[in-house]
């Protein structure tokens, strides 16, 4: 008993400190292989950040980047370098999105992607545009810049596009041109 009771007390104290590390909150930045540096008096600079969240329908998404900067700890905007987003649409679909720069808005859970935005859809489609705004919470997005999309069914060029219904509906806006292929490979 002299050894058992102190061992149990030590185990309880150990679990108390380890529990928050074991049960990570999926809606906050997780620090794995990252490093955090101070920028100025109140700012932060983070290398290899990763943010994991869920939309209103509990579909997970993840945003990562080479680095992130926040000018002040109360600032809503987080500046991202080379951001990548992985978004699960439903049980059978996902999107992977890359760009040169991004601005993540913490409160509204939106992200503005800028410079060479590429969207890969797991069904074999690829979209390219200069900018893209995503509302991660509501599963919508849009771009008012020219977009080029291609895949197995053909290719489309338009002046912009809107994404709705958690990525399952894409509407090409403005002047648009589509070249569609039949299942035999003929162009229409």
C-alpha atoms as a PDB file:
ATOM      1  CA  UNK A   1       0.000   0.000   0.000  1.00  0.00           C
ATOM      2  CA  UNK A   2       2.917   2.351   0.685  1.00  0.00           C
ATOM      3  CA  UNK A   3       3.967   2.072  -2.967  1.00  0.00           C
ATOM      4  CA  UNK A   4       0.571   1.488  -4.596  1.00  0.00           C
ATOM      5  CA  UNK A   5      -1.204   4.649  -3.396  1.00  0.00           C
ATOM      6  CA  UNK A   6       1.628   7.068  -4.409  1.00  0.00           C
ATOM      7  CA  UNK A   7       1.867   5.276  -7.775  1.00  0.00           C
ATOM      8  CA  UNK A   8      -1.879   5.742  -8.374  1.00  0.00           C
ATOM      9  CA  UNK A   9      -1.646   9.420  -7.382  1.00  0.00           C
ATOM     10  CA  UNK A  10       1.289   9.913  -9.761  1.00  0.00           C
ATOM     11  CA  UNK A  11      -0.634   8.200 -12.580  1.00  0.00           C
ATOM     12  CA  UNK A  12      -3.648  10.470 -12.023  1.00  0.00           C
ATOM     13  CA  UNK A  13      -1.451  13.581 -12.138  1.00  0.00           C
ATOM     14  CA  UNK A  14       0.215  12.282 -15.326  1.00  0.00           C
ATOM     15  CA  UNK A  15      -3.124  11.619 -17.015  1.00  0.00           C
ATOM     16  CA  UNK A  16      -4.336  15.099 -16.016  1.00  0.00           C
ATOM     17  CA  UNK A  17      -1.443  16.699 -17.918  1.00  0.00           C
ATOM     18  CA  UNK A  18      -1.522  14.256 -20.862  1.00  0.00           C
ATOM     19  CA  UNK A  19      -5.310  14.319 -21.476  1.00  0.00           C
ATOM     20  CA  UNK A  20      -5.426  17.655 -23.398  1.00  0.00           C
ATOM     21  CA  UNK A  21      -2.707  16.369 -25.733  1.00  0.00           C
ATOM     22  CA  UNK A  22      -4.596  13.134 -26.405  1.00  0.00           C
ATOM     23  CA  UNK A  23      -7.993  14.761 -27.030  1.00  0.00           C
ATOM     24  CA  UNK A  24      -7.192  17.517 -29.545  1.00  0.00           C
ATOM     25  CA  UNK A  25      -9.938  19.942 -30.509  1.00  0.00           C
ATOM     26  CA  UNK A  26     -10.558  19.404 -34.245  1.00  0.00           C
ATOM     27  CA  UNK A  27     -11.520  23.067 -34.803  1.00  0.00           C
ATOM     28  CA  UNK A  28      -8.181  24.607 -33.799  1.00  0.00           C
ATOM     29  CA  UNK A  29      -4.704  24.789 -35.204  1.00  0.00           C
ATOM     30  CA  UNK A  30      -2.759  21.662 -34.434  1.00  0.00           C
ATOM     31  CA  UNK A  31       0.950  21.879 -34.011  1.00  0.00           C
ATOM     32  CA  UNK A  32       2.864  18.888 -35.284  1.00  0.00           C
ATOM     33  CA  UNK A  33       6.128  19.597 -37.047  1.00  0.00           C
ATOM     34  CA  UNK A  34       5.823  23.353 -36.747  1.00  0.00           C
ATOM     35  CA  UNK A  35       7.761  26.172 -35.262  1.00  0.00           C
ATOM     36  CA  UNK A  36       6.299  29.372 -33.882  1.00  0.00           C
ATOM     37  CA  UNK A  37       8.231  32.640 -33.892  1.00  0.00           C
ATOM     38  CA  UNK A  38       7.291  36.092 -32.653  1.00  0.00           C
ATOM     39  CA  UNK A  39       6.961  38.806 -35.286  1.00  0.00           C
ATOM     40  CA  UNK A  40       7.185  42.247 -33.763  1.00  0.00           C
ATOM     41  CA  UNK A  41       5.540  42.828 -30.406  1.00  0.00           C
ATOM     42  CA  UNK A  42       2.228  40.954 -30.802  1.00  0.00           C
ATOM     43  CA  UNK A  43       2.503  39.022 -34.081  1.00  0.00           C
ATOM     44  CA  UNK A  44       3.167  35.356 -34.819  1.00  0.00           C
ATOM     45  CA  UNK A  45       4.924  33.524 -37.622  1.00  0.00           C
ATOM     46  CA  UNK A  46       4.220  29.792 -37.906  1.00  0.00           C
ATOM     47  CA  UNK A  47       5.987  27.320 -40.173  1.00  0.00           C
ATOM     48  CA  UNK A  48       3.993  24.333 -41.495  1.00  0.00           C
ATOM     49  CA  UNK A  49       0.633  25.248 -39.900  1.00  0.00           C
ATOM     50  CA  UNK A  50      -2.367  22.965 -40.268  1.00  0.00           C
ATOM     51  CA  UNK A  51      -5.987  23.829 -39.494  1.00  0.00           C
ATOM     52  CA  UNK A  52      -8.619  21.097 -39.257  1.00  0.00           C
ATOM     53  CA  UNK A  53     -12.321  21.944 -39.184  1.00  0.00           C
ATOM     54  CA  UNK A  54     -15.804  20.774 -40.121  1.00  0.00           C
ATOM     55  CA  UNK A  55     -18.574  22.386 -42.130  1.00  0.00           C
ATOM     56  CA  UNK A  56     -22.207  22.612 -41.014  1.00  0.00           C
ATOM     57  CA  UNK A  57     -22.829  19.037 -42.245  1.00  0.00           C
ATOM     58  CA  UNK A  58     -19.848  17.705 -40.212  1.00  0.00           C
ATOM     59  CA  UNK A  59     -17.735  17.117 -43.331  1.00  0.00           C
ATOM     60  CA  UNK A  60     -14.057  17.574 -42.488  1.00  0.00           C
ATOM     61  CA  UNK A  61     -11.621  19.916 -44.175  1.00  0.00           C
ATOM     62  CA  UNK A  62      -7.970  20.717 -43.637  1.00  0.00           C
ATOM     63  CA  UNK A  63      -5.885  23.756 -44.564  1.00  0.00           C
ATOM     64  CA  UNK A  64      -2.105  23.653 -44.482  1.00  0.00           C
ATOM     65  CA  UNK A  65       0.615  26.027 -45.684  1.00  0.00           C
ATOM     66  CA  UNK A  66       4.369  26.487 -45.809  1.00  0.00           C
ATOM     67  CA  UNK A  67       3.978  29.318 -43.310  1.00  0.00           C
ATOM     68  CA  UNK A  68       1.379  31.587 -41.753  1.00  0.00           C
ATOM     69  CA  UNK A  69       1.646  35.081 -40.302  1.00  0.00           C
ATOM     70  CA  UNK A  70      -0.704  36.920 -37.991  1.00  0.00           C
ATOM     71  CA  UNK A  71       0.117  40.573 -37.311  1.00  0.00           C
ATOM     72  CA  UNK A  72      -1.633  40.696 -33.939  1.00  0.00           C
ATOM     73  CA  UNK A  73      -3.057  37.892 -31.794  1.00  0.00           C
ATOM     74  CA  UNK A  74      -6.538  39.452 -31.995  1.00  0.00           C
ATOM     75  CA  UNK A  75      -6.354  39.822 -35.798  1.00  0.00           C
ATOM     76  CA  UNK A  76      -9.013  37.799 -37.654  1.00  0.00           C
ATOM     77  CA  UNK A  77      -6.824  37.447 -40.761  1.00  0.00           C
ATOM     78  CA  UNK A  78      -4.048  34.882 -41.095  1.00  0.00           C
ATOM     79  CA  UNK A  79      -1.777  35.326 -44.119  1.00  0.00           C
ATOM     80  CA  UNK A  80      -0.788  32.009 -45.717  1.00  0.00           C
ATOM     81  CA  UNK A  81       2.077  31.160 -48.053  1.00  0.00           C
ATOM     82  CA  UNK A  82       1.472  28.280 -50.495  1.00  0.00           C
ATOM     83  CA  UNK A  83      -1.804  27.156 -48.872  1.00  0.00           C
ATOM     84  CA  UNK A  84      -3.345  23.773 -49.612  1.00  0.00           C
ATOM     85  CA  UNK A  85      -6.894  22.779 -48.741  1.00  0.00           C
ATOM     86  CA  UNK A  86      -8.359  19.277 -48.655  1.00  0.00           C
ATOM     87  CA  UNK A  87     -12.137  19.268 -48.521  1.00  0.00           C
ATOM     88  CA  UNK A  88     -14.347  16.181 -48.223  1.00  0.00           C
ATOM     89  CA  UNK A  89     -17.588  16.674 -50.137  1.00  0.00           C
ATOM     90  CA  UNK A  90     -19.428  13.544 -49.058  1.00  0.00           C
ATOM     91  CA  UNK A  91     -18.646   9.870 -48.566  1.00  0.00           C
ATOM     92  CA  UNK A  92     -17.404   9.524 -52.145  1.00  0.00           C
ATOM     93  CA  UNK A  93     -15.789  12.815 -53.096  1.00  0.00           C
ATOM     94  CA  UNK A  94     -13.080  15.305 -52.198  1.00  0.00           C
ATOM     95  CA  UNK A  95     -11.324  18.417 -53.491  1.00  0.00           C
ATOM     96  CA  UNK A  96      -7.656  19.378 -53.255  1.00  0.00           C
ATOM     97  CA  UNK A  97      -6.918  23.080 -53.746  1.00  0.00           C
ATOM     98  CA  UNK A  98      -3.512  24.792 -54.097  1.00  0.00           C
ATOM     99  CA  UNK A  99      -2.508  28.435 -54.548  1.00  0.00           C
ATOM    100  CA  UNK A 100       0.418  30.813 -54.111  1.00  0.00           C
ATOM    101  CA  UNK A 101      -1.102  32.918 -51.307  1.00  0.00           C
ATOM    102  CA  UNK A 102      -4.120  32.878 -49.070  1.00  0.00           C
ATOM    103  CA  UNK A 103      -5.909  34.861 -46.398  1.00  0.00           C
ATOM    104  CA  UNK A 104      -7.791  32.791 -43.842  1.00  0.00           C
ATOM    105  CA  UNK A 105     -10.531  34.586 -41.895  1.00  0.00           C
ATOM    106  CA  UNK A 106     -10.862  32.801 -38.551  1.00  0.00           C
ATOM    107  CA  UNK A 107     -14.266  34.100 -37.460  1.00  0.00           C
ATOM    108  CA  UNK A 108     -16.171  33.539 -40.712  1.00  0.00           C
ATOM    109  CA  UNK A 109     -14.149  30.416 -41.669  1.00  0.00           C
ATOM    110  CA  UNK A 110     -13.574  31.738 -45.183  1.00  0.00           C
ATOM    111  CA  UNK A 111     -10.385  31.710 -47.196  1.00  0.00           C
ATOM    112  CA  UNK A 112      -9.343  33.930 -50.098  1.00  0.00           C
ATOM    113  CA  UNK A 113      -6.894  32.101 -52.372  1.00  0.00           C
ATOM    114  CA  UNK A 114      -4.757  34.165 -54.738  1.00  0.00           C
ATOM    115  CA  UNK A 115      -2.264  33.518 -57.509  1.00  0.00           C
ATOM    116  CA  UNK A 116      -2.325  30.361 -59.577  1.00  0.00           C
ATOM    117  CA  UNK A 117      -5.280  28.625 -57.911  1.00  0.00           C
ATOM    118  CA  UNK A 118      -5.692  24.985 -58.942  1.00  0.00           C
ATOM    119  CA  UNK A 119      -8.647  22.841 -57.869  1.00  0.00           C
ATOM    120  CA  UNK A 120      -8.475  19.069 -58.305  1.00  0.00           C
ATOM    121  CA  UNK A 121     -11.720  17.116 -58.028  1.00  0.00           C
ATOM    122  CA  UNK A 122     -11.307  13.386 -57.363  1.00  0.00           C
ATOM    123  CA  UNK A 123     -13.598  12.457 -60.282  1.00  0.00           C
ATOM    124  CA  UNK A 124     -10.912  13.583 -62.745  1.00  0.00           C
ATOM    125  CA  UNK A 125     -11.585  17.302 -63.148  1.00  0.00           C
ATOM    126  CA  UNK A 126      -9.182  20.210 -62.755  1.00  0.00           C
ATOM    127  CA  UNK A 127     -10.005  23.936 -62.501  1.00  0.00           C
ATOM    128  CA  UNK A 128      -7.468  26.769 -62.779  1.00  0.00           C
ATOM    129  CA  UNK A 129      -8.083  30.453 -62.024  1.00  0.00           C
ATOM    130  CA  UNK A 130      -6.310  33.486 -60.516  1.00  0.00           C
ATOM    131  CA  UNK A 131      -8.410  33.722 -57.339  1.00  0.00           C
ATOM    132  CA  UNK A 132     -11.005  31.763 -55.394  1.00  0.00           C
ATOM    133  CA  UNK A 133     -13.014  32.595 -52.270  1.00  0.00           C
ATOM    134  CA  UNK A 134     -14.258  29.636 -50.208  1.00  0.00           C
ATOM    135  CA  UNK A 135     -16.811  29.665 -47.408  1.00  0.00           C
ATOM    136  CA  UNK A 136     -15.736  26.487 -45.644  1.00  0.00           C
ATOM    137  CA  UNK A 137     -18.555  26.530 -43.110  1.00  0.00           C
ATOM    138  CA  UNK A 138     -21.323  26.711 -45.747  1.00  0.00           C
ATOM    139  CA  UNK A 139     -19.652  24.726 -48.536  1.00  0.00           C
ATOM    140  CA  UNK A 140     -19.724  27.481 -51.161  1.00  0.00           C
ATOM    141  CA  UNK A 141     -17.184  29.345 -53.250  1.00  0.00           C
ATOM    142  CA  UNK A 142     -16.751  31.675 -56.193  1.00  0.00           C
ATOM    143  CA  UNK A 143     -14.279  33.282 -58.545  1.00  0.00           C
ATOM    144  CA  UNK A 144     -14.823  36.333 -60.733  1.00  0.00           C
ATOM    145  CA  UNK A 145     -11.592  35.677 -62.640  1.00  0.00           C
ATOM    146  CA  UNK A 146     -11.388  33.659 -65.855  1.00  0.00           C
ATOM    147  CA  UNK A 147     -11.460  29.922 -65.208  1.00  0.00           C
ATOM    148  CA  UNK A 148     -10.409  26.939 -67.265  1.00  0.00           C
ATOM    149  CA  UNK A 149     -11.760  23.504 -66.390  1.00  0.00           C
ATOM    150  CA  UNK A 150     -11.049  20.171 -68.023  1.00  0.00           C
ATOM    151  CA  UNK A 151     -11.732  16.532 -67.370  1.00  0.00           C
ATOM    152  CA  UNK A 152     -13.038  13.342 -68.890  1.00  0.00           C
ATOM    153  CA  UNK A 153     -16.224  14.976 -70.200  1.00  0.00           C
ATOM    154  CA  UNK A 154     -14.411  17.816 -71.987  1.00  0.00           C
ATOM    155  CA  UNK A 155     -13.282  21.337 -71.191  1.00  0.00           C
ATOM    156  CA  UNK A 156     -14.917  24.628 -70.235  1.00  0.00           C
ATOM    157  CA  UNK A 157     -13.633  28.196 -70.202  1.00  0.00           C
ATOM    158  CA  UNK A 158     -15.620  30.991 -68.599  1.00  0.00           C
ATOM    159  CA  UNK A 159     -15.320  34.397 -66.959  1.00  0.00           C
ATOM    160  CA  UNK A 160     -15.906  32.950 -63.485  1.00  0.00           C
ATOM    161  CA  UNK A 161     -17.737  30.290 -61.541  1.00  0.00           C
ATOM    162  CA  UNK A 162     -19.785  29.637 -58.411  1.00  0.00           C
ATOM    163  CA  UNK A 163     -19.719  26.500 -56.282  1.00  0.00           C
ATOM    164  CA  UNK A 164     -22.724  25.558 -54.154  1.00  0.00           C
ATOM    165  CA  UNK A 165     -24.296  22.572 -52.401  1.00  0.00           C
ATOM    166  CA  UNK A 166     -21.004  21.680 -50.694  1.00  0.00           C
ATOM    167  CA  UNK A 167     -19.127  21.369 -53.962  1.00  0.00           C
ATOM    168  CA  UNK A 168     -21.639  19.204 -55.801  1.00  0.00           C
ATOM    169  CA  UNK A 169     -22.905  22.023 -58.067  1.00  0.00           C
ATOM    170  CA  UNK A 170     -20.710  24.292 -60.207  1.00  0.00           C
ATOM    171  CA  UNK A 171     -22.167  27.145 -62.264  1.00  0.00           C
ATOM    172  CA  UNK A 172     -19.908  28.793 -64.854  1.00  0.00           C
ATOM    173  CA  UNK A 173     -20.625  32.521 -65.117  1.00  0.00           C
ATOM    174  CA  UNK A 174     -20.171  35.165 -67.814  1.00  0.00           C
ATOM    175  CA  UNK A 175     -19.188  34.298 -71.357  1.00  0.00           C
ATOM    176  CA  UNK A 176     -18.500  30.563 -71.401  1.00  0.00           C
ATOM    177  CA  UNK A 177     -17.332  28.061 -73.962  1.00  0.00           C
ATOM    178  CA  UNK A 178     -17.656  24.299 -73.533  1.00  0.00           C
ATOM    179  CA  UNK A 179     -16.266  21.448 -75.606  1.00  0.00           C
ATOM    180  CA  UNK A 180     -17.893  18.200 -74.495  1.00  0.00           C
ATOM    181  CA  UNK A 181     -16.909  14.642 -75.383  1.00  0.00           C
ATOM    182  CA  UNK A 182     -19.281  11.753 -75.788  1.00  0.00           C
ATOM    183  CA  UNK A 183     -18.571   8.448 -74.099  1.00  0.00           C
ATOM    184  CA  UNK A 184     -16.957   7.345 -77.414  1.00  0.00           C
ATOM    185  CA  UNK A 185     -14.517  10.286 -77.334  1.00  0.00           C
ATOM    186  CA  UNK A 186     -16.240  12.416 -80.032  1.00  0.00           C
ATOM    187  CA  UNK A 187     -16.260  16.197 -79.470  1.00  0.00           C
ATOM    188  CA  UNK A 188     -19.525  18.143 -79.606  1.00  0.00           C
END
